N, C-alpha and C. Protein backbone atom coordinates (compact mmCIF):
# COMPACT_ATOMS: atom_id res chain seq x y z
N MET A 1 -16.36 11.46 -6.02
CA MET A 1 -14.92 11.42 -6.47
C MET A 1 -14.43 9.96 -6.22
N THR A 2 -13.72 9.39 -7.22
CA THR A 2 -13.16 8.16 -7.02
C THR A 2 -11.97 8.27 -6.11
N THR A 3 -11.77 7.15 -5.27
CA THR A 3 -10.65 7.19 -4.35
C THR A 3 -9.96 5.70 -4.44
N TYR A 4 -8.67 5.61 -4.31
CA TYR A 4 -8.06 4.28 -4.43
C TYR A 4 -7.95 3.61 -2.97
N TYR A 5 -8.27 4.51 -1.98
CA TYR A 5 -8.18 4.02 -0.56
C TYR A 5 -9.23 4.76 0.29
N PRO A 6 -10.39 3.92 0.01
CA PRO A 6 -11.55 4.49 0.96
C PRO A 6 -11.49 4.16 2.40
N LEU A 7 -11.20 5.46 3.10
CA LEU A 7 -11.02 5.39 4.47
C LEU A 7 -12.18 5.80 5.30
N ALA A 8 -12.83 5.00 6.00
CA ALA A 8 -13.86 5.17 7.02
C ALA A 8 -13.88 4.17 8.19
N VAL A 9 -14.12 4.74 9.33
CA VAL A 9 -14.16 3.92 10.55
C VAL A 9 -15.15 2.58 10.20
N GLY A 10 -14.60 1.53 10.46
CA GLY A 10 -15.30 0.17 10.29
C GLY A 10 -15.04 -0.53 8.98
N ASN A 11 -14.29 0.17 8.12
CA ASN A 11 -13.79 -0.42 6.75
C ASN A 11 -12.89 -1.51 7.04
N THR A 12 -12.96 -2.67 6.47
CA THR A 12 -12.07 -3.82 6.64
C THR A 12 -11.78 -4.53 5.39
N TRP A 13 -10.38 -5.01 5.39
CA TRP A 13 -10.04 -5.79 4.19
C TRP A 13 -9.35 -6.90 4.66
N THR A 14 -9.70 -8.11 4.15
CA THR A 14 -8.95 -9.34 4.60
C THR A 14 -8.13 -9.88 3.38
N TYR A 15 -6.91 -10.10 3.54
CA TYR A 15 -6.10 -10.61 2.58
C TYR A 15 -5.61 -12.05 2.77
N LYS A 16 -5.27 -12.68 1.85
CA LYS A 16 -4.61 -14.06 1.90
C LYS A 16 -3.18 -14.09 1.43
N ASN A 17 -2.23 -14.38 2.24
CA ASN A 17 -0.81 -14.61 1.88
C ASN A 17 -0.69 -15.81 0.93
N LYS A 18 0.55 -15.84 0.50
CA LYS A 18 0.97 -16.94 -0.64
C LYS A 18 0.72 -18.38 0.16
N ASP A 19 1.13 -18.28 1.67
CA ASP A 19 1.04 -19.66 2.31
C ASP A 19 -0.35 -19.95 2.71
N GLY A 20 -1.33 -19.14 2.36
CA GLY A 20 -2.78 -19.40 2.63
C GLY A 20 -3.25 -18.73 3.89
N SER A 21 -2.36 -18.38 4.87
CA SER A 21 -2.82 -17.56 6.04
C SER A 21 -3.51 -16.30 5.64
N THR A 22 -4.42 -15.82 6.56
CA THR A 22 -5.01 -14.53 6.28
C THR A 22 -4.86 -13.59 7.31
N PHE A 23 -5.03 -12.28 6.94
CA PHE A 23 -4.93 -11.22 8.05
C PHE A 23 -5.97 -10.04 7.48
N THR A 24 -6.45 -9.22 8.64
CA THR A 24 -7.34 -8.14 8.36
C THR A 24 -6.66 -6.82 8.66
N ASN A 25 -6.94 -5.86 7.68
CA ASN A 25 -6.55 -4.51 7.97
C ASN A 25 -7.79 -3.72 8.16
N SER A 26 -7.99 -3.05 9.25
CA SER A 26 -9.29 -2.22 9.47
C SER A 26 -8.92 -0.74 10.00
N VAL A 27 -9.91 0.03 9.72
CA VAL A 27 -9.97 1.32 10.20
C VAL A 27 -10.55 1.42 11.38
N ILE A 28 -9.93 1.69 12.53
CA ILE A 28 -10.57 1.52 13.83
C ILE A 28 -11.02 2.87 14.52
N SER A 29 -10.22 4.02 14.02
CA SER A 29 -10.71 5.44 14.51
C SER A 29 -10.42 6.34 13.62
N SER A 30 -10.86 7.69 13.63
CA SER A 30 -10.49 8.74 12.81
C SER A 30 -10.80 10.03 13.60
N GLU A 31 -9.99 10.86 13.13
CA GLU A 31 -10.11 12.29 13.81
C GLU A 31 -9.74 13.30 12.57
N GLY A 32 -10.82 13.72 11.83
CA GLY A 32 -10.64 14.69 10.75
C GLY A 32 -10.17 13.75 9.61
N ASN A 33 -9.14 14.14 8.92
CA ASN A 33 -8.53 13.34 7.87
C ASN A 33 -7.33 12.49 8.28
N ALA A 34 -7.37 12.21 9.66
CA ALA A 34 -6.32 11.16 10.20
C ALA A 34 -7.01 9.96 10.50
N PHE A 35 -6.43 8.70 10.23
CA PHE A 35 -7.04 7.56 10.51
C PHE A 35 -6.09 6.57 11.14
N THR A 36 -6.83 5.72 12.23
CA THR A 36 -5.91 4.77 12.85
C THR A 36 -6.26 3.45 12.26
N MET A 37 -5.30 2.70 11.84
CA MET A 37 -5.46 1.31 11.15
C MET A 37 -5.07 0.24 12.27
N ASN A 38 -5.71 -0.81 11.99
CA ASN A 38 -5.21 -2.00 12.80
C ASN A 38 -4.88 -3.07 11.88
N ASN A 39 -3.79 -3.65 11.78
CA ASN A 39 -3.43 -4.72 10.97
C ASN A 39 -3.24 -6.02 11.98
N SER A 40 -4.15 -7.02 11.68
CA SER A 40 -4.22 -8.06 12.65
C SER A 40 -2.85 -8.94 12.78
N LEU A 41 -1.83 -8.74 11.92
CA LEU A 41 -0.61 -9.34 11.93
C LEU A 41 0.41 -8.51 12.79
N LEU A 42 0.22 -7.14 12.79
CA LEU A 42 1.24 -6.38 13.42
C LEU A 42 1.12 -6.20 14.89
N GLY A 43 -0.18 -6.12 15.41
CA GLY A 43 -0.14 -5.97 16.86
C GLY A 43 -0.09 -4.56 17.29
N LYS A 44 0.18 -3.56 16.39
CA LYS A 44 0.28 -2.26 16.83
C LYS A 44 -0.39 -1.38 15.70
N PRO A 45 -0.86 -0.16 16.13
CA PRO A 45 -1.67 0.58 15.14
C PRO A 45 -0.68 1.25 14.17
N GLN A 46 -1.11 1.37 13.02
CA GLN A 46 -0.43 2.28 11.87
C GLN A 46 -1.38 3.58 11.59
N TYR A 47 -0.90 4.65 11.14
CA TYR A 47 -1.60 5.68 10.86
C TYR A 47 -1.47 6.26 9.56
N VAL A 48 -2.81 6.67 9.03
CA VAL A 48 -2.88 7.18 7.68
C VAL A 48 -3.53 8.64 7.76
N ARG A 49 -3.02 9.62 6.92
CA ARG A 49 -3.82 10.77 6.89
C ARG A 49 -3.88 11.20 5.34
N LYS A 50 -4.96 11.94 5.05
CA LYS A 50 -5.17 12.31 3.79
C LYS A 50 -5.00 13.79 3.56
N GLU A 51 -4.16 14.17 2.75
CA GLU A 51 -3.91 15.58 2.53
C GLU A 51 -4.23 15.92 1.03
N GLY A 52 -5.38 16.52 0.83
CA GLY A 52 -5.76 16.71 -0.74
C GLY A 52 -6.02 15.34 -1.22
N ASP A 53 -5.19 15.08 -2.49
CA ASP A 53 -5.61 13.74 -3.03
C ASP A 53 -4.33 12.69 -2.69
N THR A 54 -3.40 13.11 -1.80
CA THR A 54 -2.30 12.27 -1.34
C THR A 54 -2.64 11.57 0.19
N PHE A 55 -2.36 10.30 0.07
CA PHE A 55 -2.41 9.54 1.38
C PHE A 55 -1.07 9.43 1.96
N LEU A 56 -0.77 9.88 3.17
CA LEU A 56 0.51 9.71 3.74
C LEU A 56 0.27 8.75 4.94
N ALA A 57 1.37 7.78 5.05
CA ALA A 57 1.26 6.74 6.19
C ALA A 57 2.53 6.44 6.70
N ASP A 58 2.50 5.91 7.98
CA ASP A 58 3.76 5.63 8.60
C ASP A 58 3.93 3.98 8.62
N ASN A 59 3.43 3.32 7.53
CA ASN A 59 3.55 1.87 7.35
C ASN A 59 4.88 1.44 7.35
N PHE A 60 5.87 2.12 7.01
CA PHE A 60 7.25 1.61 6.82
C PHE A 60 8.06 1.85 8.12
N GLU A 61 7.73 2.94 8.76
CA GLU A 61 8.49 3.34 9.99
C GLU A 61 7.48 4.11 10.84
N ALA A 62 7.30 3.83 12.10
CA ALA A 62 6.36 4.40 12.90
C ALA A 62 6.78 5.90 13.14
N GLY A 63 5.66 6.75 12.91
CA GLY A 63 5.85 8.16 13.08
C GLY A 63 6.53 8.94 11.84
N ASN A 64 7.00 8.11 10.87
CA ASN A 64 7.57 8.63 9.72
C ASN A 64 6.58 8.69 8.58
N PHE A 65 5.77 9.86 8.49
CA PHE A 65 4.79 9.78 7.35
C PHE A 65 5.50 10.08 6.05
N GLN A 66 5.14 9.13 4.99
CA GLN A 66 5.60 9.29 3.71
C GLN A 66 4.36 9.07 2.73
N ILE A 67 4.60 9.58 1.62
CA ILE A 67 3.42 9.39 0.53
C ILE A 67 3.34 7.82 0.29
N LEU A 68 2.06 7.45 0.41
CA LEU A 68 1.75 6.07 0.30
C LEU A 68 1.16 5.87 -1.28
N LEU A 69 0.16 6.88 -1.39
CA LEU A 69 -0.69 6.62 -2.59
C LEU A 69 -1.31 8.05 -3.08
N LYS A 70 -1.48 8.26 -4.25
CA LYS A 70 -2.37 9.39 -4.76
C LYS A 70 -3.61 9.06 -5.39
N ASP A 71 -4.74 9.90 -5.23
CA ASP A 71 -5.89 9.50 -5.95
C ASP A 71 -6.07 9.80 -7.38
N ASN A 72 -5.16 10.74 -7.83
CA ASN A 72 -5.28 10.98 -9.31
C ASN A 72 -3.86 10.78 -9.96
N PRO A 73 -3.69 9.47 -10.08
CA PRO A 73 -2.24 9.18 -10.63
C PRO A 73 -2.40 9.22 -12.07
N LYS A 74 -1.19 9.40 -12.57
CA LYS A 74 -0.86 9.08 -13.96
C LYS A 74 0.31 8.17 -14.22
N ALA A 75 0.18 7.44 -15.15
CA ALA A 75 1.43 6.52 -15.51
C ALA A 75 2.59 7.37 -15.72
N GLY A 76 3.68 6.96 -14.90
CA GLY A 76 4.83 7.71 -14.95
C GLY A 76 5.09 8.47 -13.74
N ASP A 77 4.02 8.86 -13.06
CA ASP A 77 4.34 9.52 -11.68
C ASP A 77 5.31 8.77 -10.87
N THR A 78 6.22 9.39 -10.09
CA THR A 78 7.01 8.85 -9.23
C THR A 78 7.00 9.62 -7.93
N TRP A 79 7.41 8.86 -6.79
CA TRP A 79 7.71 9.52 -5.57
C TRP A 79 8.75 8.43 -4.78
N GLU A 80 9.19 8.95 -3.63
CA GLU A 80 10.13 8.06 -2.83
C GLU A 80 9.54 7.93 -1.42
N ILE A 81 9.71 6.80 -0.87
CA ILE A 81 9.44 6.53 0.38
C ILE A 81 10.68 6.31 1.26
N LYS A 82 11.01 7.13 2.23
CA LYS A 82 12.33 7.04 2.76
C LYS A 82 12.08 6.66 4.28
N TYR A 83 12.68 5.63 4.49
CA TYR A 83 12.49 5.05 6.01
C TYR A 83 13.86 4.34 6.53
N LYS A 84 13.90 4.08 7.86
CA LYS A 84 14.87 3.39 8.46
C LYS A 84 14.36 1.76 8.74
N ALA A 85 15.16 0.97 8.57
CA ALA A 85 14.76 -0.47 8.93
C ALA A 85 16.07 -1.14 9.29
N ASN A 86 16.25 -1.82 10.28
CA ASN A 86 17.39 -2.66 10.70
C ASN A 86 18.64 -1.74 10.63
N ASN A 87 18.50 -0.44 11.10
CA ASN A 87 19.44 0.56 11.30
C ASN A 87 20.13 0.80 9.84
N PHE A 88 19.40 0.79 8.80
CA PHE A 88 19.72 1.06 7.49
C PHE A 88 18.80 2.04 6.84
N ASP A 89 19.20 3.15 6.08
CA ASP A 89 18.31 4.08 5.38
C ASP A 89 17.92 3.31 4.19
N ASN A 90 16.60 3.15 3.98
CA ASN A 90 16.00 2.64 2.70
C ASN A 90 15.23 3.50 1.86
N ILE A 91 15.15 3.36 0.63
CA ILE A 91 14.24 4.10 -0.11
C ILE A 91 13.64 3.26 -1.02
N LEU A 92 12.23 3.37 -1.14
CA LEU A 92 11.39 2.59 -1.97
C LEU A 92 10.91 3.56 -3.08
N TYR A 93 11.53 3.32 -4.19
CA TYR A 93 11.31 4.19 -5.35
C TYR A 93 9.95 3.75 -6.01
N MET A 94 8.91 4.61 -5.88
CA MET A 94 7.44 4.24 -6.44
C MET A 94 7.30 4.78 -7.73
N THR A 95 6.73 4.13 -8.67
CA THR A 95 6.44 4.62 -9.98
C THR A 95 5.02 3.93 -10.25
N VAL A 96 4.00 4.81 -10.82
CA VAL A 96 2.82 4.43 -11.39
C VAL A 96 3.12 3.82 -12.66
N LYS A 97 2.88 2.49 -12.84
CA LYS A 97 3.21 1.81 -14.06
C LYS A 97 1.95 1.68 -15.04
N GLU A 98 0.79 1.79 -14.45
CA GLU A 98 -0.45 1.66 -15.29
C GLU A 98 -1.72 2.14 -14.50
N THR A 99 -2.61 2.50 -15.15
CA THR A 99 -3.99 2.98 -14.61
C THR A 99 -4.98 2.40 -15.53
N GLY A 100 -6.23 2.19 -15.03
CA GLY A 100 -7.32 1.75 -15.81
C GLY A 100 -7.35 0.28 -16.26
N MET A 101 -6.55 -0.59 -15.66
CA MET A 101 -6.30 -1.92 -16.10
C MET A 101 -7.38 -3.00 -15.60
N GLN A 102 -7.58 -4.02 -15.99
CA GLN A 102 -8.36 -5.04 -15.44
C GLN A 102 -7.41 -6.09 -14.67
N LYS A 103 -7.79 -6.46 -13.55
CA LYS A 103 -7.08 -7.40 -12.78
C LYS A 103 -7.91 -8.50 -12.04
N GLU A 104 -7.55 -9.64 -12.22
CA GLU A 104 -8.39 -10.76 -11.56
C GLU A 104 -7.45 -11.08 -10.18
N VAL A 105 -8.34 -11.09 -8.98
CA VAL A 105 -7.54 -11.49 -7.80
C VAL A 105 -8.58 -12.46 -6.96
N GLU A 106 -7.94 -13.59 -6.69
CA GLU A 106 -8.75 -14.66 -5.94
C GLU A 106 -10.17 -14.77 -6.41
N GLY A 107 -10.21 -14.83 -7.80
CA GLY A 107 -11.39 -15.17 -8.48
C GLY A 107 -12.37 -14.14 -8.92
N LYS A 108 -12.09 -12.84 -8.43
CA LYS A 108 -12.88 -11.73 -8.60
C LYS A 108 -12.13 -10.80 -9.67
N VAL A 109 -12.81 -10.25 -10.65
CA VAL A 109 -12.27 -9.31 -11.62
C VAL A 109 -12.51 -7.83 -11.19
N TYR A 110 -11.52 -7.16 -11.11
CA TYR A 110 -11.60 -5.58 -10.82
C TYR A 110 -11.34 -4.74 -12.06
N GLN A 111 -11.90 -3.72 -12.14
CA GLN A 111 -11.78 -2.84 -13.30
C GLN A 111 -11.26 -1.55 -12.91
N GLY A 112 -10.47 -0.73 -13.77
CA GLY A 112 -10.08 0.60 -13.41
C GLY A 112 -8.89 0.50 -12.42
N VAL A 113 -8.10 -0.64 -12.51
CA VAL A 113 -7.15 -0.82 -11.39
C VAL A 113 -5.77 -0.04 -11.67
N LEU A 114 -5.25 0.38 -10.57
CA LEU A 114 -4.00 1.07 -10.54
C LEU A 114 -2.82 0.28 -10.16
N LEU A 115 -1.75 0.28 -11.02
CA LEU A 115 -0.46 -0.64 -10.59
C LEU A 115 0.56 0.50 -10.25
N ILE A 116 0.93 0.24 -9.07
CA ILE A 116 2.26 1.03 -8.67
C ILE A 116 3.39 0.06 -8.28
N GLU A 117 4.56 0.31 -8.73
CA GLU A 117 5.72 -0.55 -8.55
C GLU A 117 6.70 0.08 -7.65
N GLY A 118 7.23 -0.60 -6.65
CA GLY A 118 8.28 0.07 -5.69
C GLY A 118 9.59 -0.73 -5.96
N ASP A 119 10.71 0.03 -6.05
CA ASP A 119 11.92 -0.77 -6.22
C ASP A 119 12.85 -0.26 -5.01
N LEU A 120 13.17 -1.26 -4.24
CA LEU A 120 13.85 -0.97 -2.82
C LEU A 120 15.42 -0.89 -3.12
N LYS A 121 15.74 0.22 -2.46
CA LYS A 121 17.33 0.41 -2.41
C LYS A 121 17.70 0.67 -1.10
N ILE A 122 18.86 0.29 -0.58
CA ILE A 122 19.33 0.27 0.81
C ILE A 122 20.55 1.15 0.83
N ASN A 123 20.93 2.11 1.84
CA ASN A 123 22.17 2.92 1.77
C ASN A 123 23.21 1.92 2.46
N MET A 124 24.22 1.49 1.79
CA MET A 124 25.23 0.70 2.28
C MET A 124 26.59 1.49 2.13
N ASN A 125 27.12 1.93 3.28
CA ASN A 125 28.39 2.70 3.16
C ASN A 125 28.32 3.92 2.26
N GLY A 126 27.22 4.57 2.45
CA GLY A 126 26.99 5.72 1.69
C GLY A 126 26.72 5.62 0.13
N ASN A 127 26.45 4.57 -0.27
CA ASN A 127 25.87 4.15 -1.62
C ASN A 127 24.56 3.51 -1.54
N MET A 128 23.73 3.98 -2.47
CA MET A 128 22.33 3.51 -2.52
C MET A 128 22.58 2.32 -3.49
N THR A 129 22.26 1.17 -2.86
CA THR A 129 22.40 -0.28 -3.53
C THR A 129 21.00 -0.92 -3.64
N SER A 130 20.88 -1.35 -4.95
CA SER A 130 19.62 -1.97 -5.38
C SER A 130 19.59 -3.48 -4.63
N LEU A 131 18.52 -3.85 -4.14
CA LEU A 131 18.25 -5.07 -3.53
C LEU A 131 17.66 -6.11 -4.50
N ASN A 132 17.50 -5.52 -5.83
CA ASN A 132 16.81 -6.27 -6.82
C ASN A 132 15.46 -6.74 -6.29
N TYR A 133 14.75 -5.96 -5.56
CA TYR A 133 13.42 -6.31 -5.09
C TYR A 133 12.40 -5.27 -5.51
N LEU A 134 11.52 -5.94 -6.29
CA LEU A 134 10.42 -4.92 -6.78
C LEU A 134 9.19 -5.46 -6.23
N VAL A 135 8.25 -4.53 -5.84
CA VAL A 135 6.97 -4.79 -5.28
C VAL A 135 5.93 -4.18 -6.07
N GLN A 136 4.76 -4.82 -6.36
CA GLN A 136 3.81 -4.21 -7.18
C GLN A 136 2.55 -4.19 -6.32
N TYR A 137 2.06 -3.03 -6.26
CA TYR A 137 0.83 -2.77 -5.56
C TYR A 137 -0.46 -2.47 -6.43
N TYR A 138 -1.51 -3.19 -6.30
CA TYR A 138 -2.64 -3.08 -7.19
C TYR A 138 -3.73 -2.51 -6.46
N TYR A 139 -4.34 -1.35 -6.80
CA TYR A 139 -5.39 -0.82 -6.11
C TYR A 139 -6.61 -0.66 -6.97
N ALA A 140 -7.87 -1.12 -6.45
CA ALA A 140 -9.19 -0.92 -7.32
C ALA A 140 -9.81 0.44 -6.85
N PRO A 141 -10.36 1.11 -7.78
CA PRO A 141 -11.08 2.31 -7.28
C PRO A 141 -12.28 2.02 -6.38
N ASP A 142 -12.36 2.87 -5.28
CA ASP A 142 -13.42 2.81 -4.35
C ASP A 142 -13.36 1.39 -3.47
N ILE A 143 -12.41 0.77 -3.54
CA ILE A 143 -12.15 -0.52 -2.87
C ILE A 143 -10.88 -0.56 -2.02
N GLY A 144 -9.76 -0.25 -2.80
CA GLY A 144 -8.56 -0.04 -2.13
C GLY A 144 -7.54 -0.99 -2.50
N LEU A 145 -6.63 -1.42 -1.80
CA LEU A 145 -5.44 -2.48 -2.22
C LEU A 145 -6.15 -3.84 -2.36
N ILE A 146 -5.91 -4.37 -3.64
CA ILE A 146 -6.52 -5.72 -3.97
C ILE A 146 -5.49 -6.66 -3.99
N LEU A 147 -4.16 -6.35 -4.24
CA LEU A 147 -3.09 -7.39 -4.45
C LEU A 147 -1.74 -6.60 -4.31
N THR A 148 -0.92 -7.34 -3.67
CA THR A 148 0.61 -7.03 -3.62
C THR A 148 1.35 -8.21 -3.96
N THR A 149 2.33 -8.03 -4.88
CA THR A 149 3.13 -9.08 -5.35
C THR A 149 4.55 -8.55 -5.32
N SER A 150 5.62 -9.58 -5.39
CA SER A 150 6.99 -9.06 -5.37
C SER A 150 7.77 -9.95 -6.37
N SER A 151 9.02 -9.40 -6.77
CA SER A 151 9.83 -10.09 -7.48
C SER A 151 10.46 -11.40 -6.78
N TYR A 152 10.20 -11.42 -5.53
CA TYR A 152 10.70 -12.72 -4.86
C TYR A 152 9.44 -13.79 -4.78
N GLY A 153 8.40 -13.44 -5.49
CA GLY A 153 7.43 -14.51 -5.43
C GLY A 153 6.25 -14.46 -4.51
N ASP A 154 6.38 -13.38 -3.65
CA ASP A 154 5.37 -13.15 -2.59
C ASP A 154 4.02 -12.75 -3.14
N SER A 155 2.97 -12.91 -2.48
CA SER A 155 1.64 -12.37 -3.01
C SER A 155 0.71 -12.36 -1.79
N MET A 156 -0.14 -11.36 -1.94
CA MET A 156 -1.14 -11.15 -0.93
C MET A 156 -2.32 -10.42 -1.59
N GLY A 157 -3.35 -11.30 -1.65
CA GLY A 157 -4.56 -10.95 -2.52
C GLY A 157 -5.78 -10.77 -1.54
N LEU A 158 -6.58 -9.84 -2.01
CA LEU A 158 -7.75 -9.47 -1.25
C LEU A 158 -8.74 -10.75 -1.34
N VAL A 159 -9.35 -11.15 -0.34
CA VAL A 159 -10.35 -12.25 -0.32
C VAL A 159 -11.74 -11.68 0.06
N SER A 160 -11.82 -10.56 0.92
CA SER A 160 -13.08 -9.93 1.27
C SER A 160 -12.88 -8.68 1.76
N TYR A 161 -13.96 -7.80 1.76
CA TYR A 161 -13.89 -6.37 2.22
C TYR A 161 -15.20 -6.02 2.66
N GLN A 162 -15.17 -4.87 3.54
CA GLN A 162 -16.51 -4.41 4.09
C GLN A 162 -16.16 -2.99 4.14
N LEU A 163 -16.94 -2.19 3.41
CA LEU A 163 -16.86 -0.79 3.31
C LEU A 163 -18.08 -0.09 3.93
N LYS A 164 -17.97 0.96 4.69
CA LYS A 164 -19.07 1.64 5.17
C LYS A 164 -19.52 2.69 4.50
C-alpha cells in the first residue's frame, strides 16, 4: 500500500530552508502505531500516530493531536487543524488541491505527488480573521514531505532522505 508518510524507526529526512540552512526530521522511536519524531531545529520531540489511513500529529501544539495527512486523499478533500499559538485560537483550513502531479525539488523529479494547501485564520475578538497566509505541502508517495512553500515566499525542500 502506498503511503505519503512512511514512518519507521531510523527514517530521516533532511530539508533545506530558503536561507540555505538545513535541518533533519527523524523517527526516533515507536510503540505500535505511535511514533516519536525529532526535528533538529526544535529540540523537543513531536508525536505522530496513524489511525487507519489518517496521520494525527501534535506538530502545531504539543499534546493536541490533529489530522496532518491522509493516505487516500482526493482533490477537494478538506479538514481543519485547530491549535493555540501566542494565546490565540488558530485554524489551518487544509484542502487537497491536486494528486498524482509531478514536482521537481532540489534537482530531483518526484512522481505521483500530493499537494495540500493550508489557509491560516486566527480568532481575533471572536471573529475568524484570515492572515492571508497560505502554505503548500507537497508529499511524494512512499517518501514523505518533499517541499513546503508559503504565500510569504518561504520554502523548505527535501535534499536527502533515508528510509528503513
